[in-house]
Each structure stands twice: as C-alpha cells, then as structure tokens.
N, C-alpha and C. Protein backbone atom coordinates (compact mmCIF):
# COMPACT_ATOMS: atom_id res chain seq x y z
N MET A 1 -12.02 -12.52 21.07
CA MET A 1 -10.97 -13.93 20.24
C MET A 1 -9.14 -12.99 20.59
N VAL A 2 -9.17 -13.11 20.48
CA VAL A 2 -7.52 -12.96 20.30
C VAL A 2 -6.71 -13.67 20.30
N ILE A 3 -5.92 -13.28 19.59
CA ILE A 3 -4.63 -14.48 17.87
C ILE A 3 -3.81 -13.66 18.10
N ASP A 4 -2.57 -13.90 18.85
CA ASP A 4 -0.78 -13.64 19.12
C ASP A 4 0.24 -14.43 17.85
N ASP A 5 0.61 -13.10 17.43
CA ASP A 5 1.98 -13.59 15.89
C ASP A 5 1.39 -13.79 15.33
N VAL A 6 0.27 -12.79 14.99
CA VAL A 6 0.03 -13.41 13.05
C VAL A 6 0.46 -13.28 12.48
N ASP A 7 0.75 -13.71 11.31
CA ASP A 7 1.30 -13.72 9.49
C ASP A 7 -0.22 -13.58 8.59
N ASN A 8 -0.26 -12.49 7.48
CA ASN A 8 -1.40 -12.91 6.97
C ASN A 8 -1.88 -14.11 6.19
N ILE A 9 -1.06 -15.06 5.87
CA ILE A 9 -1.66 -16.67 5.54
C ILE A 9 -2.24 -16.92 6.73
N GLN A 10 -2.68 -17.14 7.87
CA GLN A 10 -2.76 -17.24 8.84
C GLN A 10 -3.72 -16.20 9.15
N LEU A 11 -3.93 -14.95 9.30
CA LEU A 11 -4.73 -14.65 9.45
C LEU A 11 -6.01 -14.73 8.21
N ASN A 12 -5.63 -14.70 6.95
CA ASN A 12 -6.28 -15.58 5.94
C ASN A 12 -7.51 -16.84 5.83
N ALA A 13 -6.65 -17.42 7.17
CA ALA A 13 -7.50 -19.26 6.77
C ALA A 13 -8.40 -19.19 8.15
N LEU A 14 -7.45 -17.78 9.26
CA LEU A 14 -8.84 -17.72 10.52
C LEU A 14 -9.83 -16.83 10.37
N ALA A 15 -9.74 -16.18 9.40
CA ALA A 15 -11.15 -15.14 9.65
C ALA A 15 -11.17 -14.60 8.04
N LYS A 16 -11.73 -15.67 7.30
CA LYS A 16 -11.50 -15.69 5.50
C LYS A 16 -12.84 -15.13 5.52
N GLN A 17 -14.12 -14.90 6.40
CA GLN A 17 -15.30 -13.98 6.02
C GLN A 17 -15.77 -13.41 7.21
N CYS A 18 -15.95 -12.36 6.78
CA CYS A 18 -17.28 -11.66 8.57
C CYS A 18 -17.63 -12.70 8.95
N ASP A 19 -18.99 -13.29 8.25
CA ASP A 19 -20.21 -14.10 8.81
C ASP A 19 -19.66 -15.14 9.53
N TRP A 20 -18.41 -15.55 9.58
CA TRP A 20 -17.74 -16.75 10.46
C TRP A 20 -18.03 -16.04 11.74
N PHE A 21 -18.62 -14.93 11.54
CA PHE A 21 -17.95 -14.53 13.96
C PHE A 21 -19.38 -13.87 14.32
N GLY A 22 -20.10 -14.06 15.06
CA GLY A 22 -21.48 -13.57 15.62
C GLY A 22 -20.46 -11.84 16.14
N ARG A 23 -22.72 -11.15 15.61
CA ARG A 23 -22.70 -10.31 16.09
C ARG A 23 -21.97 -9.30 16.91
N GLY A 24 -20.69 -8.23 17.43
CA GLY A 24 -20.48 -7.57 18.51
C GLY A 24 -19.66 -8.05 18.91
N SER A 25 -18.49 -9.40 18.03
CA SER A 25 -17.71 -10.20 18.32
C SER A 25 -16.22 -9.06 18.02
N ARG A 26 -15.04 -10.17 18.97
CA ARG A 26 -14.50 -8.23 19.30
C ARG A 26 -12.76 -9.08 18.69
N ILE A 27 -11.79 -9.28 18.66
CA ILE A 27 -11.09 -9.71 17.32
C ILE A 27 -9.77 -9.07 17.79
N ILE A 28 -8.31 -9.41 18.56
CA ILE A 28 -7.76 -8.54 18.75
C ILE A 28 -6.69 -9.21 17.73
N ILE A 29 -5.82 -9.32 17.29
CA ILE A 29 -4.34 -9.78 16.66
C ILE A 29 -3.58 -8.31 16.35
N THR A 30 -2.08 -9.38 17.89
CA THR A 30 -1.53 -8.93 17.02
C THR A 30 -0.16 -9.49 16.87
N THR A 31 1.36 -8.62 16.70
CA THR A 31 1.93 -9.37 15.28
C THR A 31 2.91 -9.21 15.88
N ARG A 32 4.40 -10.04 15.05
CA ARG A 32 5.80 -10.34 16.23
C ARG A 32 6.82 -9.20 14.63
N ASP A 33 6.34 -8.54 14.10
CA ASP A 33 6.97 -8.37 13.29
C ASP A 33 7.57 -6.65 12.78
N GLU A 34 9.02 -7.25 13.55
CA GLU A 34 10.24 -6.60 14.61
C GLU A 34 10.12 -5.32 12.77
N ASP A 35 10.00 -5.40 11.29
CA ASP A 35 9.85 -4.23 10.58
C ASP A 35 8.54 -4.09 10.97
N ALA A 36 7.57 -4.10 10.26
CA ALA A 36 6.28 -3.49 10.54
C ALA A 36 6.15 -2.50 12.08
N ALA A 37 6.42 -3.21 13.40
CA ALA A 37 6.58 -2.73 14.46
C ALA A 37 7.15 -1.20 14.48
N LEU A 38 8.55 -1.80 13.87
CA LEU A 38 9.83 -0.68 13.55
C LEU A 38 9.33 1.02 13.04
N HIS A 39 8.56 0.37 11.68
CA HIS A 39 7.73 1.67 10.53
C HIS A 39 6.86 2.33 11.39
N LEU A 40 6.21 0.79 12.63
CA LEU A 40 4.88 2.20 13.27
C LEU A 40 5.46 2.46 13.98
N PHE A 41 5.56 2.26 14.70
CA PHE A 41 6.75 3.35 16.09
C PHE A 41 7.47 4.69 15.38
N CYS A 42 7.92 4.53 14.86
CA CYS A 42 8.62 5.62 13.66
C CYS A 42 7.42 7.03 12.73
N LEU A 43 6.26 6.38 12.84
CA LEU A 43 5.72 7.21 11.62
C LEU A 43 4.86 7.89 13.35
N HIS A 44 5.11 7.20 14.02
CA HIS A 44 4.23 8.62 15.43
C HIS A 44 5.11 8.76 16.22
N ALA A 45 6.68 8.41 16.31
CA ALA A 45 8.01 9.58 17.26
C ALA A 45 7.79 10.02 16.39
N PHE A 46 8.76 9.77 14.69
CA PHE A 46 9.59 10.95 14.81
C PHE A 46 9.03 11.62 13.20
N LYS A 47 7.32 11.22 13.17
CA LYS A 47 6.42 11.12 11.89
C LYS A 47 7.75 10.84 10.82
N ASN A 48 8.60 9.82 10.30
CA ASN A 48 8.91 9.31 9.48
C ASN A 48 8.60 7.83 9.81
N ASP A 49 9.27 7.72 8.22
CA ASP A 49 9.57 5.41 8.19
C ASP A 49 10.61 5.25 9.15
N HIS A 50 12.07 5.64 9.44
CA HIS A 50 12.73 5.41 10.33
C HIS A 50 13.44 6.12 11.31
N PRO A 51 13.79 5.49 12.27
CA PRO A 51 14.49 6.56 13.76
C PRO A 51 15.67 7.22 13.28
N GLN A 52 16.00 8.42 13.65
CA GLN A 52 16.98 8.64 13.55
C GLN A 52 18.44 7.98 13.47
N GLU A 53 18.86 8.26 13.75
CA GLU A 53 20.69 7.07 14.03
C GLU A 53 21.12 7.48 15.62
N ASP A 54 20.63 8.79 15.75
CA ASP A 54 20.77 8.78 17.17
C ASP A 54 19.85 8.18 18.38
N PHE A 55 18.61 8.15 17.43
CA PHE A 55 17.49 6.95 18.44
C PHE A 55 17.62 5.88 18.14
N LYS A 56 18.21 5.29 17.07
CA LYS A 56 17.80 3.15 16.79
C LYS A 56 18.30 2.66 17.70
N ASP A 57 19.32 3.06 18.50
CA ASP A 57 19.01 1.91 19.93
C ASP A 57 17.51 2.44 21.10
N LEU A 58 18.01 3.89 21.07
CA LEU A 58 16.39 3.75 21.84
C LEU A 58 14.84 3.36 20.98
N SER A 59 15.03 3.30 19.81
CA SER A 59 13.61 2.63 18.91
C SER A 59 14.14 1.51 19.59
N LEU A 60 14.55 0.42 19.09
CA LEU A 60 15.06 -0.85 19.34
C LEU A 60 14.22 -1.23 21.08
N ASN A 61 14.20 -0.44 21.65
CA ASN A 61 14.47 -0.70 23.44
C ASN A 61 13.11 0.09 23.22
N VAL A 62 12.05 0.37 22.64
CA VAL A 62 10.36 0.40 22.60
C VAL A 62 10.40 -0.70 22.53
N LEU A 63 11.03 -1.34 21.10
CA LEU A 63 9.78 -2.73 20.01
C LEU A 63 9.84 -3.67 21.70
N SER A 64 11.11 -3.67 21.93
CA SER A 64 10.53 -4.42 23.32
C SER A 64 10.12 -4.45 24.14
N TYR A 65 10.07 -3.06 24.51
CA TYR A 65 9.30 -3.48 25.54
C TYR A 65 8.19 -3.38 25.48
N ALA A 66 7.86 -2.94 23.35
CA ALA A 66 6.15 -3.20 23.94
C ALA A 66 5.84 -4.27 22.96
N GLY A 67 6.37 -5.22 23.54
CA GLY A 67 6.36 -6.16 23.01
C GLY A 67 5.69 -6.72 21.41
N GLY A 68 5.96 -5.49 20.71
CA GLY A 68 5.11 -5.89 19.13
C GLY A 68 4.18 -5.36 19.38
N LEU A 69 3.12 -4.90 20.34
CA LEU A 69 2.17 -4.71 20.34
C LEU A 69 1.99 -2.83 19.59
N PRO A 70 0.53 -3.20 18.69
CA PRO A 70 0.27 -2.17 17.44
C PRO A 70 0.54 -0.60 18.67
N LEU A 71 -1.36 -1.34 19.75
CA LEU A 71 -1.54 0.63 20.51
C LEU A 71 -0.33 0.74 21.14
N ALA A 72 1.04 -0.21 22.02
CA ALA A 72 2.28 0.07 22.66
C ALA A 72 2.45 1.26 22.05
N LEU A 73 3.06 0.51 20.63
CA LEU A 73 3.71 1.11 20.09
C LEU A 73 3.10 2.66 19.49
N ARG A 74 1.76 3.03 19.23
CA ARG A 74 1.05 3.65 18.83
C ARG A 74 1.82 4.96 19.65
N VAL A 75 1.53 4.64 21.07
CA VAL A 75 1.04 5.48 22.54
C VAL A 75 2.08 5.43 22.82
N LEU A 76 3.67 5.34 22.94
CA LEU A 76 4.63 5.48 23.14
C LEU A 76 5.38 5.96 22.60
N GLY A 77 5.00 5.98 20.58
CA GLY A 77 5.29 6.80 20.01
C GLY A 77 5.39 8.72 19.83
N ASP A 78 3.33 8.31 20.01
CA ASP A 78 2.97 9.80 20.14
C ASP A 78 3.73 10.18 21.50
N HIS A 79 4.47 9.84 22.82
CA HIS A 79 4.36 10.61 24.22
C HIS A 79 5.91 10.77 23.62
N LEU A 80 6.40 10.16 22.94
CA LEU A 80 7.61 10.61 22.42
C LEU A 80 8.40 11.41 21.62
N HIS A 81 7.08 11.57 20.88
CA HIS A 81 7.02 12.87 20.40
C HIS A 81 7.11 14.38 20.53
C-alpha cells in the first residue's frame, strides 16, 4: 500500500491497528509537510534544525526537487553534508 500526503489524523483512521494488514505487508507513507521536510533535510545536511542563512534558498530548492519524500531528503542531505 502506498499512501501519499497523509497527516496524523488520516493515518490513525487508515492504520489504527497492525492486525488490519497481512503478514509481510509493506506500507509506504509520504507527507508534504514543508516544515517537517525542511527539518529532516537540515538534520542530515547541516546537523542542525534549520539551514544557515547562506543555504536557505538551496534548502528550499532541494525540498522542491525531492517532492517532500523523506528518503530523498535524507539521501540528498547526507550527500550535501
């Protein structure tokens, strides 16, 4: 199952209990929460909660490029670091 652009309320309604899914099920969840995405990227790229002023525009460009996908933000942040 792939679920895109989910908030906590929707997630709780969709996946309240683990036994709703069969053994070996894979669930991929993405979100477009820009603040959370920026925070995640900055933790990997700058080892800080927010970008330095010099890198703010670059950080926003990376968020746009990655489309808010957590794995992409981690990988790009690690490579930038």
